[in-house]
Protein backbone atom coordinates (compact mmCIF):
# COMPACT_ATOMS: atom_id res chain seq x y z
CA UNK A 1 -33.93 -16.72 -12.04
CA UNK A 2 -32.18 -19.97 -11.35
CA UNK A 3 -33.87 -23.40 -12.04
CA UNK A 4 -37.00 -24.07 -9.55
CA UNK A 5 -38.20 -27.60 -9.21
CA UNK A 6 -41.53 -28.37 -10.99
CA UNK A 7 -43.61 -28.14 -7.83
CA UNK A 8 -42.20 -24.62 -7.11
CA UNK A 9 -42.84 -23.48 -10.34
CA UNK A 10 -46.67 -24.44 -9.94
CA UNK A 11 -46.63 -22.60 -6.79
CA UNK A 12 -45.06 -19.79 -8.12
CA UNK A 13 -47.42 -19.65 -11.36
CA UNK A 14 -50.52 -19.85 -8.62
CA UNK A 15 -49.10 -16.72 -6.86
CA UNK A 16 -48.92 -14.74 -9.96
CA UNK A 17 -52.36 -15.79 -10.88
CA UNK A 18 -53.95 -15.06 -7.68
CA UNK A 19 -52.28 -11.72 -7.61
CA UNK A 20 -53.05 -10.76 -11.20
CA UNK A 21 -56.66 -12.06 -10.77
CA UNK A 22 -57.43 -9.84 -7.64
CA UNK A 23 -56.07 -6.93 -8.92
CA UNK A 24 -58.58 -4.33 -9.84
CA UNK A 25 -58.86 -3.06 -13.45
CA UNK A 26 -58.04 0.72 -12.72
CA UNK A 27 -54.49 -0.25 -11.47
CA UNK A 28 -50.83 0.02 -12.74
CA UNK A 29 -49.94 -3.10 -15.09
CA UNK A 30 -46.50 -3.15 -13.37
CA UNK A 31 -46.11 -5.42 -9.86
CA UNK A 32 -42.92 -5.36 -8.11
CA UNK A 33 -41.78 -9.12 -8.14
CA UNK A 34 -39.08 -9.20 -5.74
CA UNK A 35 -40.77 -11.63 -2.96
CA UNK A 36 -41.28 -14.24 -6.02
CA UNK A 37 -38.21 -13.53 -8.29
CA UNK A 38 -35.50 -12.20 -6.55
CA UNK A 39 -34.10 -8.53 -5.92
CA UNK A 40 -35.03 -6.15 -8.82
CA UNK A 41 -37.48 -8.01 -10.93
CA UNK A 42 -40.54 -6.86 -12.06
CA UNK A 43 -43.78 -8.11 -13.87
CA UNK A 44 -45.92 -6.51 -16.30
CA UNK A 45 -48.93 -7.90 -17.81
CA UNK A 46 -52.10 -7.18 -19.87
CA UNK A 47 -55.27 -8.56 -20.53
CA UNK A 48 -57.04 -9.46 -23.65
CA UNK A 49 -60.33 -10.93 -23.18
CA UNK A 50 -59.62 -14.14 -20.88
CA UNK A 51 -55.76 -13.95 -22.01
CA UNK A 52 -53.10 -12.73 -19.74
CA UNK A 53 -50.10 -11.75 -21.56
CA UNK A 54 -47.27 -11.44 -18.80
CA UNK A 55 -43.23 -10.55 -19.14
CA UNK A 56 -40.61 -10.89 -15.99
CA UNK A 57 -37.74 -8.83 -16.40
CA UNK A 58 -34.84 -6.89 -14.52
CA UNK A 59 -34.34 -3.13 -13.84
CA UNK A 60 -32.17 -2.79 -16.83
CA UNK A 61 -35.36 -3.53 -19.13
CA UNK A 62 -37.59 -0.52 -19.91
CA UNK A 63 -41.12 -1.72 -18.50
CA UNK A 64 -43.41 1.04 -20.85
CA UNK A 65 -41.47 -0.42 -23.74
CA UNK A 66 -42.21 -3.96 -22.90
CA UNK A 67 -46.09 -2.92 -22.56
CA UNK A 68 -45.95 -1.09 -25.63
CA UNK A 69 -44.80 -3.71 -27.69
CA UNK A 70 -47.27 -6.10 -26.20
CA UNK A 71 -49.86 -3.72 -27.52
CA UNK A 72 -48.44 -2.98 -30.95
CA UNK A 73 -48.67 -6.87 -31.45
CA UNK A 74 -51.87 -7.64 -30.11
CA UNK A 75 -53.22 -5.22 -32.14
CA UNK A 76 -51.56 -5.74 -35.92
CA UNK A 77 -53.84 -6.92 -38.40
CA UNK A 78 -53.44 -10.50 -39.61
CA UNK A 79 -52.65 -9.81 -43.36
CA UNK A 80 -49.77 -7.81 -42.24
CA UNK A 81 -46.10 -8.68 -42.28
CA UNK A 82 -44.69 -10.66 -39.49
CA UNK A 83 -41.59 -8.52 -39.28
CA UNK A 84 -41.12 -5.50 -37.08
CA UNK A 85 -38.66 -2.68 -36.98
CA UNK A 86 -37.68 -2.09 -33.23
CA UNK A 87 -35.41 0.48 -33.10
CA UNK A 88 -37.59 2.64 -30.84
CA UNK A 89 -37.84 0.02 -28.32
CA UNK A 90 -34.66 -2.15 -28.12
CA UNK A 91 -32.02 -0.02 -29.93
CA UNK A 92 -30.21 0.74 -33.10
CA UNK A 93 -30.58 -2.25 -35.71
CA UNK A 94 -32.97 -4.29 -33.64
CA UNK A 95 -35.55 -6.16 -35.60
CA UNK A 96 -38.55 -8.41 -34.17
CA UNK A 97 -40.25 -11.28 -35.64
CA UNK A 98 -43.35 -12.99 -34.23
CA UNK A 99 -45.60 -15.65 -34.84
CA UNK A 100 -48.85 -16.47 -34.06
CA UNK A 101 -49.92 -19.93 -33.14
CA UNK A 102 -53.83 -20.10 -32.11
CA UNK A 103 -53.38 -18.00 -28.66
CA UNK A 104 -50.06 -18.03 -28.60
CA UNK A 105 -47.41 -15.27 -29.56
CA UNK A 106 -43.78 -16.41 -30.43
CA UNK A 107 -41.24 -13.25 -30.48
CA UNK A 108 -37.63 -13.47 -31.22
CA UNK A 109 -35.46 -9.77 -30.95
CA UNK A 110 -32.13 -10.04 -32.98
CA UNK A 111 -29.69 -7.78 -34.55
CA UNK A 112 -29.16 -6.71 -38.15
CA UNK A 113 -26.42 -10.00 -38.25
CA UNK A 114 -29.49 -12.53 -38.67
CA UNK A 115 -31.71 -13.26 -41.59
CA UNK A 116 -35.36 -12.56 -40.73
CA UNK A 117 -36.73 -15.34 -42.65
CA UNK A 118 -34.24 -17.63 -41.18
CA UNK A 119 -35.59 -16.76 -37.69
CA UNK A 120 -38.80 -17.08 -39.29
CA UNK A 121 -38.28 -20.88 -40.14
CA UNK A 122 -36.65 -21.51 -36.95
CA UNK A 123 -39.74 -20.27 -34.95
CA UNK A 124 -41.68 -22.66 -37.45
CA UNK A 125 -39.41 -25.63 -36.22
CA UNK A 126 -39.85 -24.61 -32.65
CA UNK A 127 -43.81 -24.13 -32.73
CA UNK A 128 -44.34 -27.45 -34.87
CA UNK A 129 -42.02 -29.04 -32.02
CA UNK A 130 -44.06 -28.03 -29.31
CA UNK A 131 -47.21 -29.11 -30.79
CA UNK A 132 -45.94 -32.59 -31.47
CA UNK A 133 -44.65 -32.75 -28.05
CA UNK A 134 -47.82 -31.46 -26.47
CA UNK A 135 -50.40 -32.69 -29.16
CA UNK A 136 -52.13 -29.41 -30.11
CA UNK A 137 -49.89 -27.15 -27.53
CA UNK A 138 -51.74 -24.27 -25.74
CA UNK A 139 -51.12 -21.80 -22.98
CA UNK A 140 -51.43 -24.11 -19.93
CA UNK A 141 -48.93 -26.46 -21.49
CA UNK A 142 -46.17 -24.00 -21.67
CA UNK A 143 -47.13 -22.68 -18.16
CA UNK A 144 -46.85 -25.93 -16.48
CA UNK A 145 -44.51 -27.64 -18.32
CA UNK A 146 -41.71 -24.58 -19.22
CA UNK A 147 -38.67 -26.99 -18.01
CA UNK A 148 -39.63 -29.18 -20.95
CA UNK A 149 -39.99 -26.33 -23.06
CA UNK A 150 -36.74 -25.06 -22.54
CA UNK A 151 -35.43 -28.66 -23.08
CA UNK A 152 -37.11 -28.06 -26.62
CA UNK A 153 -35.22 -24.87 -26.98
CA UNK A 154 -31.87 -26.14 -25.89
CA UNK A 155 -32.24 -28.90 -28.28
CA UNK A 156 -32.69 -26.47 -31.14
CA UNK A 157 -30.43 -23.69 -30.12
CA UNK A 158 -27.33 -24.22 -27.98
CA UNK A 159 -24.84 -21.32 -27.03
CA UNK A 160 -26.57 -18.91 -29.43
CA UNK A 161 -26.15 -21.31 -32.27
CA UNK A 162 -28.56 -23.36 -34.26
CA UNK A 163 -27.94 -27.26 -33.92
CA UNK A 164 -30.96 -28.48 -35.21
CA UNK A 165 -33.83 -27.67 -37.53
CA UNK A 166 -35.61 -31.05 -37.87
CA UNK A 167 -38.56 -30.93 -35.90
CA UNK A 168 -38.60 -35.28 -35.84
CA UNK A 169 -35.10 -34.88 -34.18
CA UNK A 170 -36.03 -32.49 -31.65
CA UNK A 171 -39.37 -34.68 -30.55
CA UNK A 172 -36.70 -37.78 -30.52
CA UNK A 173 -34.57 -36.22 -28.47
CA UNK A 174 -36.88 -34.50 -26.15
CA UNK A 175 -38.58 -38.24 -25.92
CA UNK A 176 -34.97 -39.93 -25.07
CA UNK A 177 -34.51 -37.14 -22.42
CA UNK A 178 -37.65 -37.95 -20.64
CA UNK A 179 -37.08 -41.55 -21.06
CA UNK A 180 -34.39 -41.43 -18.91
CA UNK A 181 -35.68 -39.10 -16.43
CA UNK A 182 -38.55 -41.44 -15.79
CA UNK A 183 -36.21 -44.72 -15.59
CA UNK A 184 -33.90 -42.53 -13.27
CA UNK A 185 -36.85 -41.63 -11.34
CA UNK A 186 -38.33 -45.00 -11.34
CA UNK A 187 -35.03 -46.65 -10.65
CA UNK A 188 -34.38 -44.17 -7.52
CA UNK A 189 -38.08 -45.33 -6.20
CA UNK A 190 -37.26 -48.97 -6.45
CA UNK A 191 -33.99 -48.61 -4.35
CA UNK A 192 -35.87 -46.60 -1.66
CA UNK A 193 -38.42 -49.50 -1.78
CA UNK A 194 -35.95 -52.29 -1.63
CA UNK A 195 -34.06 -50.62 1.33
CA UNK A 196 -37.36 -50.09 3.06
CA UNK A 197 -38.23 -53.96 2.47
CA UNK A 198 -35.37 -55.03 3.94
CA UNK A 199 -35.78 -52.91 7.64
């Protein structure tokens, strides 16, 4: 899905929330999402208490496998390993690492060429950075600011390679980007006002 302006993102989130809240309890967890996300896209969701777990994917993905994965992770005990063998769901030699932070689940699926502990460290940096950028990050921070979340992730991983593992450096870079965007907007508004005043 191509990048959408922040206002459009909010509209999409509201539309999804409205659709899911109005669905009966005895209907399928799968929703055709062509009208919102483009051709051949689907949405699978699962509710736990007041939380919605939502995954959006294209026709190449196995929707039942994704639903099973959500079920497995949500039912795992707190005292078990964060590593899950994922061969049956995502193919041979695939593994999954997950981390819970309050009510948030962070999941990375990777192959045997990656180190599980290194991936867990990477997730820790990502979670710490989110917490610093949003001051006690929660679901709504991610839902309504996922462009900023993508920026944070892009400062940590670039082209499939880990480029920064210092949370402080990532926060510094994100703050710099935010400052530049704010100044660019302010400068544009100032020019527009000046032009209007000259008329």
